[in-house]
Amino acid sequence: MLFYLEKMDMSEEKQRLEQHCKYFLEQLDGKQESLGRTLNFISQEIGREINTLGAKAYDADIQRIVVQMKDELEKIKNR
């Protein structure tokens, strides 16, 4: 039972996702000339966290949010 409860805990992923998003926005606000690689790397990390959240989500509402986050991330990557 404890194994499944730990497997369903999303707090670490949510915290890392929040930190990645903050870092992404900080980089956008910065004055660096070449942000492409940095933003690409950060967006990959964001994608990994979103995928992990989706794998751990056993709730339909959370799954919908995960799909929306993936959609928004794709919009970012395509700009």
N, C-alpha and C. Protein backbone atom coordinates (compact mmCIF):
# COMPACT_ATOMS: atom_id res chain seq x y z
N MET A 1 0.82 -1.19 0.00
CA MET A 1 0.00 0.00 0.00
C MET A 1 0.87 1.26 0.00
N LEU A 2 1.90 1.26 0.83
CA LEU A 2 2.80 2.41 0.90
C LEU A 2 3.47 2.67 -0.44
N PHE A 3 3.82 1.60 -1.13
CA PHE A 3 4.45 1.71 -2.45
C PHE A 3 3.56 2.48 -3.41
N TYR A 4 2.28 2.15 -3.43
CA TYR A 4 1.34 2.82 -4.34
C TYR A 4 1.10 4.27 -3.94
N LEU A 5 1.07 4.54 -2.65
CA LEU A 5 0.89 5.92 -2.20
C LEU A 5 2.08 6.79 -2.60
N GLU A 6 3.29 6.24 -2.47
CA GLU A 6 4.48 6.97 -2.89
C GLU A 6 4.49 7.18 -4.39
N LYS A 7 4.05 6.18 -5.13
CA LYS A 7 4.02 6.26 -6.58
C LYS A 7 3.02 7.33 -7.05
N MET A 8 1.97 7.56 -6.29
CA MET A 8 0.95 8.54 -6.66
C MET A 8 1.28 9.95 -6.19
N ASP A 9 2.30 10.09 -5.32
CA ASP A 9 2.67 11.41 -4.80
C ASP A 9 3.31 12.23 -5.92
N MET A 10 2.74 13.38 -6.18
CA MET A 10 3.19 14.24 -7.27
C MET A 10 3.88 15.51 -6.78
N SER A 11 4.11 15.61 -5.50
CA SER A 11 4.63 16.87 -4.95
C SER A 11 6.01 17.23 -5.51
N GLU A 12 6.90 16.26 -5.66
CA GLU A 12 8.22 16.56 -6.21
C GLU A 12 8.13 17.07 -7.64
N GLU A 13 7.31 16.40 -8.45
CA GLU A 13 7.16 16.80 -9.84
C GLU A 13 6.56 18.20 -9.97
N LYS A 14 5.57 18.47 -9.12
CA LYS A 14 4.95 19.80 -9.15
C LYS A 14 5.95 20.87 -8.76
N GLN A 15 6.77 20.58 -7.76
CA GLN A 15 7.77 21.55 -7.32
C GLN A 15 8.81 21.78 -8.42
N ARG A 16 9.30 20.70 -9.04
CA ARG A 16 10.29 20.85 -10.11
C ARG A 16 9.69 21.59 -11.31
N LEU A 17 8.44 21.26 -11.65
CA LEU A 17 7.78 21.93 -12.76
C LEU A 17 7.67 23.43 -12.49
N GLU A 18 7.30 23.78 -11.28
CA GLU A 18 7.20 25.20 -10.91
C GLU A 18 8.56 25.89 -11.06
N GLN A 19 9.62 25.22 -10.59
CA GLN A 19 10.96 25.81 -10.68
C GLN A 19 11.40 25.96 -12.13
N HIS A 20 11.12 24.96 -12.96
CA HIS A 20 11.47 25.05 -14.39
C HIS A 20 10.72 26.21 -15.06
N CYS A 21 9.45 26.37 -14.73
CA CYS A 21 8.66 27.46 -15.32
C CYS A 21 9.20 28.82 -14.88
N LYS A 22 9.54 28.94 -13.62
CA LYS A 22 10.12 30.20 -13.14
C LYS A 22 11.44 30.50 -13.85
N TYR A 23 12.26 29.49 -13.99
CA TYR A 23 13.56 29.66 -14.65
C TYR A 23 13.36 30.06 -16.12
N PHE A 24 12.39 29.45 -16.78
CA PHE A 24 12.07 29.77 -18.17
C PHE A 24 11.71 31.25 -18.29
N LEU A 25 10.83 31.72 -17.41
CA LEU A 25 10.42 33.12 -17.44
C LEU A 25 11.56 34.06 -17.10
N GLU A 26 12.41 33.67 -16.16
CA GLU A 26 13.59 34.49 -15.84
C GLU A 26 14.50 34.64 -17.06
N GLN A 27 14.67 33.56 -17.79
CA GLN A 27 15.52 33.61 -18.99
C GLN A 27 14.91 34.52 -20.05
N LEU A 28 13.61 34.49 -20.18
CA LEU A 28 12.94 35.36 -21.15
C LEU A 28 13.11 36.83 -20.79
N ASP A 29 13.10 37.12 -19.50
CA ASP A 29 13.26 38.50 -19.04
C ASP A 29 14.70 38.98 -19.10
N GLY A 30 15.63 38.05 -19.21
CA GLY A 30 17.05 38.40 -19.24
C GLY A 30 17.45 39.06 -20.54
N LYS A 31 18.68 39.52 -20.58
CA LYS A 31 19.19 40.24 -21.74
C LYS A 31 20.14 39.40 -22.58
N GLN A 32 20.10 38.09 -22.43
CA GLN A 32 20.99 37.23 -23.21
C GLN A 32 20.61 37.28 -24.69
N GLU A 33 21.64 37.15 -25.52
CA GLU A 33 21.39 37.19 -26.96
C GLU A 33 20.90 35.86 -27.51
N SER A 34 21.53 34.78 -27.12
CA SER A 34 21.15 33.47 -27.67
C SER A 34 20.45 32.63 -26.60
N LEU A 35 19.15 32.67 -26.64
CA LEU A 35 18.35 31.94 -25.66
C LEU A 35 17.85 30.60 -26.18
N GLY A 36 17.99 30.37 -27.48
CA GLY A 36 17.39 29.19 -28.09
C GLY A 36 17.70 27.89 -27.39
N ARG A 37 18.97 27.61 -27.20
CA ARG A 37 19.36 26.34 -26.57
C ARG A 37 18.87 26.26 -25.13
N THR A 38 19.03 27.34 -24.42
CA THR A 38 18.62 27.35 -23.01
C THR A 38 17.13 27.11 -22.87
N LEU A 39 16.34 27.84 -23.65
CA LEU A 39 14.88 27.68 -23.57
C LEU A 39 14.46 26.29 -24.06
N ASN A 40 15.15 25.78 -25.05
CA ASN A 40 14.84 24.44 -25.55
C ASN A 40 15.11 23.40 -24.46
N PHE A 41 16.24 23.53 -23.78
CA PHE A 41 16.57 22.60 -22.71
C PHE A 41 15.54 22.68 -21.58
N ILE A 42 15.21 23.89 -21.18
CA ILE A 42 14.24 24.06 -20.09
C ILE A 42 12.88 23.49 -20.50
N SER A 43 12.48 23.71 -21.75
CA SER A 43 11.18 23.18 -22.20
C SER A 43 11.19 21.66 -22.23
N GLN A 44 12.34 21.05 -22.52
CA GLN A 44 12.43 19.58 -22.45
C GLN A 44 12.24 19.11 -21.02
N GLU A 45 12.84 19.81 -20.07
CA GLU A 45 12.68 19.45 -18.66
C GLU A 45 11.22 19.62 -18.22
N ILE A 46 10.60 20.68 -18.67
CA ILE A 46 9.18 20.90 -18.36
C ILE A 46 8.36 19.74 -18.91
N GLY A 47 8.65 19.33 -20.13
CA GLY A 47 7.94 18.21 -20.75
C GLY A 47 8.10 16.92 -19.96
N ARG A 48 9.29 16.67 -19.46
CA ARG A 48 9.52 15.46 -18.67
C ARG A 48 8.67 15.47 -17.40
N GLU A 49 8.62 16.62 -16.75
CA GLU A 49 7.82 16.70 -15.52
C GLU A 49 6.33 16.52 -15.82
N ILE A 50 5.87 17.13 -16.91
CA ILE A 50 4.47 16.98 -17.30
C ILE A 50 4.16 15.51 -17.59
N ASN A 51 5.05 14.83 -18.31
CA ASN A 51 4.83 13.41 -18.61
C ASN A 51 4.79 12.57 -17.35
N THR A 52 5.66 12.87 -16.40
CA THR A 52 5.67 12.12 -15.15
C THR A 52 4.37 12.36 -14.37
N LEU A 53 3.92 13.61 -14.36
CA LEU A 53 2.64 13.91 -13.70
C LEU A 53 1.51 13.11 -14.36
N GLY A 54 1.53 13.06 -15.69
CA GLY A 54 0.50 12.31 -16.40
C GLY A 54 0.53 10.83 -16.09
N ALA A 55 1.73 10.29 -15.95
CA ALA A 55 1.86 8.87 -15.64
C ALA A 55 1.37 8.55 -14.23
N LYS A 56 1.50 9.50 -13.33
CA LYS A 56 1.08 9.28 -11.94
C LYS A 56 -0.38 9.63 -11.71
N ALA A 57 -1.00 10.31 -12.64
CA ALA A 57 -2.38 10.79 -12.44
C ALA A 57 -3.38 9.66 -12.69
N TYR A 58 -4.16 9.39 -11.69
CA TYR A 58 -5.23 8.40 -11.82
C TYR A 58 -6.59 9.06 -11.76
N ASP A 59 -6.60 10.37 -11.94
CA ASP A 59 -7.82 11.15 -11.87
C ASP A 59 -8.07 11.80 -13.22
N ALA A 60 -9.29 11.72 -13.71
CA ALA A 60 -9.61 12.27 -15.04
C ALA A 60 -9.39 13.77 -15.12
N ASP A 61 -9.68 14.49 -14.05
CA ASP A 61 -9.48 15.94 -14.06
C ASP A 61 -8.00 16.29 -14.19
N ILE A 62 -7.16 15.55 -13.48
CA ILE A 62 -5.72 15.80 -13.58
C ILE A 62 -5.23 15.44 -14.97
N GLN A 63 -5.74 14.36 -15.55
CA GLN A 63 -5.35 13.98 -16.90
C GLN A 63 -5.69 15.08 -17.91
N ARG A 64 -6.84 15.71 -17.73
CA ARG A 64 -7.22 16.82 -18.62
C ARG A 64 -6.23 17.99 -18.49
N ILE A 65 -5.85 18.29 -17.27
CA ILE A 65 -4.89 19.37 -17.03
C ILE A 65 -3.55 19.03 -17.67
N VAL A 66 -3.14 17.78 -17.55
CA VAL A 66 -1.88 17.34 -18.16
C VAL A 66 -1.94 17.53 -19.67
N VAL A 67 -3.04 17.17 -20.29
CA VAL A 67 -3.19 17.35 -21.74
C VAL A 67 -3.12 18.83 -22.10
N GLN A 68 -3.75 19.68 -21.31
CA GLN A 68 -3.69 21.13 -21.56
C GLN A 68 -2.27 21.65 -21.42
N MET A 69 -1.54 21.17 -20.40
CA MET A 69 -0.15 21.60 -20.22
C MET A 69 0.70 21.17 -21.40
N LYS A 70 0.50 19.95 -21.89
CA LYS A 70 1.24 19.48 -23.06
C LYS A 70 0.94 20.34 -24.28
N ASP A 71 -0.32 20.70 -24.45
CA ASP A 71 -0.72 21.55 -25.57
C ASP A 71 -0.04 22.91 -25.48
N GLU A 72 -0.02 23.50 -24.30
CA GLU A 72 0.62 24.81 -24.11
C GLU A 72 2.13 24.71 -24.33
N LEU A 73 2.73 23.63 -23.88
CA LEU A 73 4.17 23.46 -24.08
C LEU A 73 4.49 23.35 -25.57
N GLU A 74 3.67 22.65 -26.32
CA GLU A 74 3.88 22.54 -27.76
C GLU A 74 3.79 23.91 -28.44
N LYS A 75 2.88 24.74 -27.96
CA LYS A 75 2.77 26.10 -28.51
C LYS A 75 4.06 26.87 -28.26
N ILE A 76 4.63 26.70 -27.07
CA ILE A 76 5.90 27.36 -26.74
C ILE A 76 7.01 26.87 -27.66
N LYS A 77 7.08 25.57 -27.84
CA LYS A 77 8.15 24.98 -28.66
C LYS A 77 8.05 25.41 -30.12
N ASN A 78 6.84 25.65 -30.58
CA ASN A 78 6.64 26.01 -31.99
C ASN A 78 6.82 27.49 -32.28
N ARG A 79 7.12 28.29 -31.30
CA ARG A 79 7.31 29.73 -31.52
C ARG A 79 8.74 30.06 -31.79
